[in-house]
N, C-alpha and C. Protein backbone atom coordinates (compact mmCIF):
# COMPACT_ATOMS: atom_id res chain seq x y z
N MET A 1 -0.77 -57.22 48.60
CA MET A 1 -1.64 -56.39 49.42
C MET A 1 -2.77 -55.87 48.55
N GLU A 2 -3.97 -55.85 49.06
CA GLU A 2 -5.13 -55.41 48.32
C GLU A 2 -5.61 -54.07 48.85
N TYR A 3 -5.89 -53.17 47.91
CA TYR A 3 -6.35 -51.83 48.26
C TYR A 3 -7.79 -51.67 47.81
N SER A 4 -8.49 -50.73 48.44
CA SER A 4 -9.83 -50.41 47.95
C SER A 4 -9.75 -49.07 47.23
N ILE A 5 -10.52 -48.95 46.18
CA ILE A 5 -10.56 -47.72 45.40
C ILE A 5 -11.97 -47.19 45.48
N LYS A 6 -12.08 -45.92 45.86
CA LYS A 6 -13.39 -45.31 46.06
C LYS A 6 -13.46 -44.01 45.29
N ILE A 7 -14.65 -43.69 44.82
CA ILE A 7 -14.89 -42.39 44.23
C ILE A 7 -14.92 -41.38 45.38
N MET A 8 -14.18 -40.29 45.20
CA MET A 8 -14.13 -39.26 46.24
C MET A 8 -15.40 -38.40 46.15
N ASP A 9 -15.93 -38.08 47.33
CA ASP A 9 -17.11 -37.24 47.42
C ASP A 9 -17.06 -36.47 48.74
N ASP A 10 -18.14 -35.79 49.07
CA ASP A 10 -18.14 -34.97 50.29
C ASP A 10 -17.91 -35.79 51.56
N THR A 11 -18.23 -37.07 51.54
CA THR A 11 -18.09 -37.88 52.74
C THR A 11 -16.65 -38.32 53.00
N ASN A 12 -15.79 -38.30 51.98
CA ASN A 12 -14.43 -38.80 52.20
C ASN A 12 -13.32 -37.86 51.73
N ILE A 13 -13.66 -36.71 51.16
CA ILE A 13 -12.63 -35.79 50.66
C ILE A 13 -11.72 -35.30 51.78
N GLY A 14 -12.22 -35.23 53.00
CA GLY A 14 -11.42 -34.77 54.13
C GLY A 14 -10.24 -35.66 54.45
N CYS A 15 -10.29 -36.91 54.02
CA CYS A 15 -9.19 -37.83 54.31
C CYS A 15 -7.92 -37.46 53.54
N LEU A 16 -8.02 -36.54 52.60
CA LEU A 16 -6.85 -36.15 51.82
C LEU A 16 -5.90 -35.22 52.58
N ALA A 17 -6.30 -34.73 53.75
CA ALA A 17 -5.47 -33.78 54.50
C ALA A 17 -4.09 -34.35 54.81
N ARG A 18 -4.02 -35.58 55.28
CA ARG A 18 -2.72 -36.18 55.60
C ARG A 18 -1.87 -36.32 54.33
N LEU A 19 -2.50 -36.75 53.25
CA LEU A 19 -1.81 -36.92 51.98
C LEU A 19 -1.31 -35.57 51.46
N ALA A 20 -2.11 -34.53 51.65
CA ALA A 20 -1.71 -33.19 51.22
C ALA A 20 -0.48 -32.71 51.99
N GLY A 21 -0.43 -33.00 53.28
CA GLY A 21 0.74 -32.63 54.08
C GLY A 21 2.00 -33.32 53.61
N GLU A 22 1.88 -34.60 53.32
CA GLU A 22 3.03 -35.36 52.81
C GLU A 22 3.48 -34.82 51.46
N ALA A 23 2.52 -34.57 50.58
CA ALA A 23 2.86 -34.06 49.25
C ALA A 23 3.55 -32.70 49.35
N LYS A 24 3.08 -31.86 50.24
CA LYS A 24 3.67 -30.53 50.41
C LYS A 24 5.13 -30.63 50.82
N LEU A 25 5.46 -31.59 51.67
CA LEU A 25 6.85 -31.79 52.08
C LEU A 25 7.75 -32.16 50.90
N GLU A 26 7.14 -32.76 49.87
CA GLU A 26 7.89 -33.11 48.66
C GLU A 26 7.85 -31.99 47.63
N GLY A 27 7.20 -30.88 47.96
CA GLY A 27 7.13 -29.75 47.05
C GLY A 27 5.95 -29.78 46.10
N PHE A 28 4.98 -30.65 46.37
CA PHE A 28 3.78 -30.74 45.53
C PHE A 28 2.60 -30.13 46.27
N ASN A 29 2.02 -29.11 45.70
CA ASN A 29 0.88 -28.44 46.34
C ASN A 29 -0.46 -28.84 45.74
N PHE A 30 -0.45 -29.68 44.72
CA PHE A 30 -1.70 -29.98 44.02
C PHE A 30 -2.68 -30.81 44.84
N VAL A 31 -2.23 -31.57 45.82
CA VAL A 31 -3.18 -32.33 46.64
C VAL A 31 -3.97 -31.35 47.52
N GLN A 32 -3.27 -30.38 48.09
CA GLN A 32 -3.98 -29.36 48.87
C GLN A 32 -4.90 -28.55 47.97
N ARG A 33 -4.44 -28.27 46.75
CA ARG A 33 -5.28 -27.54 45.79
C ARG A 33 -6.55 -28.34 45.47
N THR A 34 -6.42 -29.66 45.40
CA THR A 34 -7.59 -30.52 45.17
C THR A 34 -8.62 -30.31 46.28
N ILE A 35 -8.16 -30.33 47.53
CA ILE A 35 -9.04 -30.12 48.68
C ILE A 35 -9.67 -28.73 48.62
N ASP A 36 -8.83 -27.72 48.39
CA ASP A 36 -9.33 -26.33 48.37
C ASP A 36 -10.34 -26.11 47.26
N GLU A 37 -10.02 -26.57 46.06
CA GLU A 37 -10.92 -26.37 44.92
C GLU A 37 -12.23 -27.15 45.10
N TRP A 38 -12.15 -28.30 45.74
CA TRP A 38 -13.37 -29.07 46.02
C TRP A 38 -14.26 -28.25 46.96
N GLY A 39 -13.67 -27.78 48.04
CA GLY A 39 -14.44 -27.01 49.03
C GLY A 39 -15.03 -25.73 48.47
N GLU A 40 -14.31 -25.09 47.56
CA GLU A 40 -14.77 -23.85 46.95
C GLU A 40 -15.74 -24.09 45.78
N GLY A 41 -15.88 -25.35 45.38
CA GLY A 41 -16.74 -25.67 44.25
C GLY A 41 -16.10 -25.39 42.89
N VAL A 42 -14.82 -25.10 42.88
CA VAL A 42 -14.10 -24.79 41.64
C VAL A 42 -13.92 -26.05 40.79
N ASN A 43 -13.54 -27.15 41.42
CA ASN A 43 -13.37 -28.41 40.71
C ASN A 43 -13.80 -29.54 41.63
N ARG A 44 -14.95 -30.09 41.33
CA ARG A 44 -15.48 -31.22 42.11
C ARG A 44 -15.53 -32.48 41.25
N PHE A 45 -14.82 -32.46 40.11
CA PHE A 45 -14.76 -33.62 39.22
C PHE A 45 -16.17 -34.12 38.90
N SER A 46 -17.05 -33.18 38.58
CA SER A 46 -18.46 -33.51 38.39
C SER A 46 -18.97 -33.25 36.98
N GLY A 47 -18.09 -32.86 36.07
CA GLY A 47 -18.50 -32.66 34.69
C GLY A 47 -18.65 -33.99 33.96
N ARG A 48 -19.10 -33.93 32.72
CA ARG A 48 -19.28 -35.13 31.91
C ARG A 48 -17.96 -35.90 31.82
N GLY A 49 -17.95 -37.13 32.29
CA GLY A 49 -16.76 -37.97 32.21
C GLY A 49 -15.75 -37.75 33.31
N GLU A 50 -15.99 -36.79 34.19
CA GLU A 50 -15.00 -36.46 35.22
C GLU A 50 -15.19 -37.33 36.46
N ILE A 51 -14.07 -37.58 37.15
CA ILE A 51 -14.12 -38.39 38.38
C ILE A 51 -12.81 -38.20 39.16
N LEU A 52 -12.89 -38.35 40.45
CA LEU A 52 -11.71 -38.35 41.32
C LEU A 52 -11.78 -39.61 42.17
N TRP A 53 -10.70 -40.40 42.13
CA TRP A 53 -10.63 -41.63 42.92
C TRP A 53 -9.63 -41.46 44.05
N GLY A 54 -9.91 -42.17 45.13
CA GLY A 54 -8.97 -42.33 46.21
C GLY A 54 -8.65 -43.81 46.37
N VAL A 55 -7.41 -44.09 46.69
CA VAL A 55 -7.00 -45.47 46.96
C VAL A 55 -6.75 -45.57 48.46
N PHE A 56 -7.34 -46.60 49.06
CA PHE A 56 -7.30 -46.74 50.52
C PHE A 56 -6.67 -48.06 50.93
N ASP A 57 -5.93 -48.00 52.01
CA ASP A 57 -5.39 -49.20 52.65
C ASP A 57 -5.77 -49.12 54.12
N ASP A 58 -6.56 -50.07 54.55
CA ASP A 58 -7.02 -50.13 55.93
C ASP A 58 -7.65 -48.79 56.37
N GLY A 59 -8.46 -48.22 55.49
CA GLY A 59 -9.17 -46.99 55.80
C GLY A 59 -8.39 -45.71 55.60
N GLN A 60 -7.12 -45.80 55.32
CA GLN A 60 -6.27 -44.62 55.15
C GLN A 60 -6.07 -44.34 53.66
N CYS A 61 -6.29 -43.09 53.25
CA CYS A 61 -6.10 -42.72 51.85
C CYS A 61 -4.60 -42.68 51.54
N ILE A 62 -4.19 -43.50 50.57
CA ILE A 62 -2.77 -43.60 50.23
C ILE A 62 -2.47 -43.06 48.83
N GLY A 63 -3.51 -42.70 48.09
CA GLY A 63 -3.28 -42.16 46.75
C GLY A 63 -4.55 -41.59 46.17
N ILE A 64 -4.37 -40.69 45.20
CA ILE A 64 -5.51 -40.12 44.49
C ILE A 64 -5.15 -39.98 43.01
N GLY A 65 -6.17 -39.81 42.23
CA GLY A 65 -5.99 -39.51 40.81
C GLY A 65 -7.33 -39.20 40.20
N GLY A 66 -7.32 -38.28 39.25
CA GLY A 66 -8.59 -37.88 38.69
C GLY A 66 -8.55 -37.62 37.20
N LEU A 67 -9.73 -37.32 36.69
CA LEU A 67 -9.95 -37.08 35.28
C LEU A 67 -10.90 -35.90 35.15
N ASN A 68 -10.47 -34.89 34.40
CA ASN A 68 -11.30 -33.73 34.10
C ASN A 68 -11.38 -33.52 32.60
N ILE A 69 -12.37 -32.76 32.18
CA ILE A 69 -12.32 -32.18 30.84
C ILE A 69 -11.14 -31.22 30.89
N ASP A 70 -10.25 -31.28 29.91
CA ASP A 70 -9.04 -30.45 29.93
C ASP A 70 -9.42 -28.97 29.78
N PRO A 71 -9.20 -28.18 30.83
CA PRO A 71 -9.60 -26.77 30.78
C PRO A 71 -8.74 -25.93 29.82
N TYR A 72 -7.63 -26.49 29.35
CA TYR A 72 -6.73 -25.75 28.48
C TYR A 72 -6.90 -26.09 27.01
N ALA A 73 -7.73 -27.06 26.69
CA ALA A 73 -7.80 -27.58 25.32
C ALA A 73 -8.90 -26.95 24.46
N ASN A 74 -9.89 -26.31 25.06
CA ASN A 74 -11.02 -25.77 24.31
C ASN A 74 -11.69 -26.84 23.45
N ASP A 75 -11.74 -28.06 23.98
CA ASP A 75 -12.37 -29.17 23.27
C ASP A 75 -12.89 -30.14 24.33
N PRO A 76 -14.21 -30.31 24.44
CA PRO A 76 -14.76 -31.17 25.49
C PRO A 76 -14.43 -32.65 25.30
N LYS A 77 -13.84 -33.03 24.19
CA LYS A 77 -13.45 -34.42 23.96
C LYS A 77 -11.99 -34.68 24.37
N VAL A 78 -11.34 -33.67 24.96
CA VAL A 78 -9.97 -33.83 25.45
C VAL A 78 -10.02 -33.88 26.97
N GLY A 79 -9.54 -34.99 27.53
CA GLY A 79 -9.52 -35.16 28.97
C GLY A 79 -8.15 -34.83 29.53
N ARG A 80 -8.12 -34.56 30.81
CA ARG A 80 -6.86 -34.24 31.48
C ARG A 80 -6.72 -35.10 32.72
N VAL A 81 -5.61 -35.81 32.81
CA VAL A 81 -5.28 -36.57 34.01
C VAL A 81 -4.87 -35.55 35.07
N ARG A 82 -5.49 -35.66 36.25
CA ARG A 82 -5.27 -34.64 37.27
C ARG A 82 -4.88 -35.24 38.60
N HIS A 83 -3.99 -34.55 39.27
CA HIS A 83 -3.72 -34.74 40.69
C HIS A 83 -3.38 -36.17 41.10
N VAL A 84 -2.58 -36.86 40.29
CA VAL A 84 -2.17 -38.22 40.65
C VAL A 84 -1.03 -38.11 41.68
N TYR A 85 -1.28 -38.69 42.83
CA TYR A 85 -0.28 -38.69 43.89
C TYR A 85 -0.45 -39.96 44.71
N VAL A 86 0.68 -40.60 45.01
CA VAL A 86 0.70 -41.80 45.84
C VAL A 86 1.67 -41.55 47.00
N SER A 87 1.23 -41.90 48.19
CA SER A 87 2.07 -41.77 49.37
C SER A 87 3.42 -42.44 49.15
N LYS A 88 4.46 -41.78 49.58
CA LYS A 88 5.82 -42.25 49.33
C LYS A 88 6.04 -43.70 49.76
N SER A 89 5.45 -44.09 50.87
CA SER A 89 5.65 -45.46 51.38
C SER A 89 4.89 -46.51 50.57
N TYR A 90 4.04 -46.08 49.61
CA TYR A 90 3.28 -47.03 48.79
C TYR A 90 3.71 -47.01 47.33
N ARG A 91 4.74 -46.26 47.02
CA ARG A 91 5.20 -46.20 45.63
C ARG A 91 5.90 -47.48 45.23
N LYS A 92 5.91 -47.73 43.95
CA LYS A 92 6.53 -48.93 43.36
C LYS A 92 5.76 -50.20 43.73
N ARG A 93 4.48 -50.04 44.04
CA ARG A 93 3.62 -51.19 44.36
C ARG A 93 2.44 -51.31 43.39
N GLY A 94 2.45 -50.50 42.33
CA GLY A 94 1.39 -50.58 41.33
C GLY A 94 0.18 -49.70 41.60
N VAL A 95 0.23 -48.90 42.65
CA VAL A 95 -0.93 -48.07 43.00
C VAL A 95 -1.19 -47.02 41.91
N ALA A 96 -0.16 -46.30 41.50
CA ALA A 96 -0.34 -45.27 40.47
C ALA A 96 -0.75 -45.90 39.14
N SER A 97 -0.20 -47.06 38.81
CA SER A 97 -0.59 -47.74 37.57
C SER A 97 -2.07 -48.11 37.62
N GLU A 98 -2.53 -48.56 38.76
CA GLU A 98 -3.94 -48.92 38.88
C GLU A 98 -4.83 -47.69 38.71
N ILE A 99 -4.42 -46.57 39.31
CA ILE A 99 -5.18 -45.33 39.15
C ILE A 99 -5.24 -44.95 37.67
N LEU A 100 -4.08 -44.96 37.01
CA LEU A 100 -4.05 -44.56 35.60
C LEU A 100 -4.84 -45.50 34.71
N ASN A 101 -4.78 -46.79 35.00
CA ASN A 101 -5.57 -47.73 34.21
C ASN A 101 -7.06 -47.46 34.36
N MET A 102 -7.49 -47.07 35.56
CA MET A 102 -8.90 -46.72 35.77
C MET A 102 -9.24 -45.43 35.02
N VAL A 103 -8.35 -44.45 35.07
CA VAL A 103 -8.57 -43.19 34.36
C VAL A 103 -8.72 -43.45 32.87
N ILE A 104 -7.82 -44.24 32.32
CA ILE A 104 -7.86 -44.53 30.88
C ILE A 104 -9.15 -45.27 30.52
N LYS A 105 -9.48 -46.28 31.30
CA LYS A 105 -10.70 -47.04 31.02
C LYS A 105 -11.93 -46.14 31.07
N ARG A 106 -12.02 -45.32 32.09
CA ARG A 106 -13.17 -44.42 32.26
C ARG A 106 -13.22 -43.38 31.14
N SER A 107 -12.08 -42.91 30.70
CA SER A 107 -12.02 -41.81 29.73
C SER A 107 -12.49 -42.21 28.34
N LYS A 108 -12.43 -43.49 28.01
CA LYS A 108 -12.77 -43.94 26.66
C LYS A 108 -14.22 -43.66 26.29
N ASP A 109 -15.10 -43.53 27.26
CA ASP A 109 -16.50 -43.23 26.97
C ASP A 109 -16.75 -41.75 26.67
N SER A 110 -15.85 -40.88 27.12
CA SER A 110 -16.11 -39.44 27.02
C SER A 110 -15.07 -38.65 26.23
N PHE A 111 -13.88 -39.20 26.08
CA PHE A 111 -12.79 -38.42 25.50
C PHE A 111 -12.10 -39.15 24.35
N LYS A 112 -11.46 -38.40 23.48
CA LYS A 112 -10.70 -38.98 22.39
C LYS A 112 -9.20 -38.91 22.64
N VAL A 113 -8.80 -38.02 23.54
CA VAL A 113 -7.39 -37.82 23.88
C VAL A 113 -7.29 -37.50 25.36
N LEU A 114 -6.23 -37.98 25.99
CA LEU A 114 -5.90 -37.58 27.36
C LEU A 114 -4.60 -36.79 27.33
N ARG A 115 -4.55 -35.75 28.12
CA ARG A 115 -3.32 -34.96 28.25
C ARG A 115 -2.95 -34.88 29.72
N VAL A 116 -1.66 -34.65 29.95
CA VAL A 116 -1.16 -34.50 31.32
C VAL A 116 0.07 -33.61 31.28
N SER A 117 0.32 -32.93 32.36
CA SER A 117 1.57 -32.18 32.53
C SER A 117 2.26 -32.75 33.76
N THR A 118 3.49 -33.19 33.57
CA THR A 118 4.25 -33.78 34.68
C THR A 118 5.14 -32.77 35.38
N HIS A 119 5.15 -31.55 34.90
CA HIS A 119 6.07 -30.56 35.45
C HIS A 119 5.44 -29.77 36.59
N LYS A 120 6.22 -29.59 37.62
CA LYS A 120 5.86 -28.61 38.63
C LYS A 120 6.21 -27.26 38.01
N PRO A 121 5.63 -26.17 38.45
CA PRO A 121 5.99 -24.88 37.87
C PRO A 121 7.51 -24.67 37.89
N GLY A 122 8.06 -24.54 36.69
CA GLY A 122 9.49 -24.26 36.54
C GLY A 122 10.41 -25.44 36.78
N GLN A 123 9.87 -26.66 36.91
CA GLN A 123 10.73 -27.80 37.24
C GLN A 123 10.21 -29.07 36.58
N ALA A 124 11.10 -29.74 35.86
CA ALA A 124 10.76 -31.02 35.23
C ALA A 124 10.66 -32.11 36.29
N ASN A 125 9.97 -33.20 35.95
CA ASN A 125 9.82 -34.34 36.85
C ASN A 125 10.11 -35.61 36.05
N PRO A 126 11.40 -35.97 35.88
CA PRO A 126 11.76 -37.12 35.04
C PRO A 126 11.12 -38.43 35.48
N GLU A 127 10.93 -38.64 36.78
CA GLU A 127 10.31 -39.87 37.26
C GLU A 127 8.87 -39.98 36.76
N ALA A 128 8.13 -38.87 36.84
CA ALA A 128 6.75 -38.85 36.34
C ALA A 128 6.74 -39.03 34.82
N ASP A 129 7.69 -38.40 34.13
CA ASP A 129 7.78 -38.57 32.67
C ASP A 129 7.91 -40.05 32.32
N ARG A 130 8.81 -40.73 32.98
CA ARG A 130 9.03 -42.15 32.70
C ARG A 130 7.78 -42.98 33.01
N PHE A 131 7.11 -42.64 34.09
CA PHE A 131 5.90 -43.37 34.47
C PHE A 131 4.82 -43.24 33.39
N TYR A 132 4.52 -42.03 32.95
CA TYR A 132 3.48 -41.85 31.95
C TYR A 132 3.85 -42.51 30.62
N GLU A 133 5.12 -42.48 30.28
CA GLU A 133 5.56 -43.14 29.05
C GLU A 133 5.43 -44.66 29.19
N TYR A 134 5.70 -45.19 30.36
CA TYR A 134 5.53 -46.62 30.63
C TYR A 134 4.06 -47.03 30.46
N ILE A 135 3.15 -46.17 30.91
CA ILE A 135 1.71 -46.45 30.82
C ILE A 135 1.24 -46.39 29.36
N GLY A 136 1.96 -45.66 28.51
CA GLY A 136 1.58 -45.60 27.10
C GLY A 136 1.40 -44.20 26.54
N PHE A 137 1.60 -43.19 27.37
CA PHE A 137 1.51 -41.81 26.91
C PHE A 137 2.75 -41.49 26.07
N SER A 138 2.57 -40.60 25.10
CA SER A 138 3.68 -40.14 24.27
C SER A 138 4.12 -38.77 24.74
N LYS A 139 5.42 -38.54 24.73
CA LYS A 139 5.95 -37.23 25.06
C LYS A 139 5.43 -36.26 24.01
N ASP A 140 4.85 -35.17 24.44
CA ASP A 140 4.27 -34.19 23.52
C ASP A 140 4.24 -32.84 24.23
N GLU A 141 5.38 -32.21 24.29
CA GLU A 141 5.48 -30.92 24.97
C GLU A 141 4.67 -29.88 24.20
N GLY A 142 3.76 -29.28 24.86
CA GLY A 142 2.94 -28.24 24.25
C GLY A 142 2.39 -27.34 25.32
N GLU A 143 1.43 -26.55 24.92
CA GLU A 143 0.80 -25.63 25.85
C GLU A 143 0.12 -26.40 26.98
N LYS A 144 0.64 -26.27 28.18
CA LYS A 144 0.05 -26.89 29.38
C LYS A 144 0.02 -28.42 29.33
N GLN A 145 0.94 -29.05 28.62
CA GLN A 145 1.00 -30.51 28.60
C GLN A 145 2.43 -30.97 28.36
N THR A 146 2.72 -32.17 28.84
CA THR A 146 4.01 -32.81 28.54
C THR A 146 3.80 -34.13 27.83
N HIS A 147 2.62 -34.74 28.00
CA HIS A 147 2.33 -36.04 27.42
C HIS A 147 0.88 -36.11 26.97
N ARG A 148 0.62 -37.01 26.01
CA ARG A 148 -0.75 -37.24 25.57
C ARG A 148 -0.92 -38.70 25.20
N LEU A 149 -2.18 -39.12 25.27
CA LEU A 149 -2.54 -40.49 24.92
C LEU A 149 -3.77 -40.42 24.04
N LYS A 150 -3.66 -40.93 22.82
CA LYS A 150 -4.80 -40.97 21.91
C LYS A 150 -5.62 -42.21 22.27
N LEU A 151 -6.93 -42.03 22.41
CA LEU A 151 -7.81 -43.10 22.88
C LEU A 151 -8.59 -43.78 21.78
N VAL A 152 -8.69 -43.20 20.61
CA VAL A 152 -9.48 -43.81 19.52
C VAL A 152 -8.61 -44.45 18.48
């Protein structure tokens, strides 16, 4: 099956509402936070090297993933993988891997390191841990991170 990947912007950010509802049922609020922060202008993935992608199947958004300057690192050369979520019915089909491969490829022009946190507040996420390690991230528990990937 072939999916289309689009940069998210004002014309298509609204399509995340269904995905946010699904994520919330799984206990993940970050998709809704993506919508809210976009609307409030808090995070529009518009800084140097930043981007938010949506993955679509037949016009329906089935996944998202983004890249920001890491707000916790105090270093503009440190990127942060943000808000990666794939609809439950599309998991194990390579969608998240494709998103991460795009994030990594895009980040090499702007960042020297990528960081990510796989934990929900107060709760580990072993499946996400395994996924990031499979992609090539190293476990590196620290302030606001669980994994990192050196890009240089």
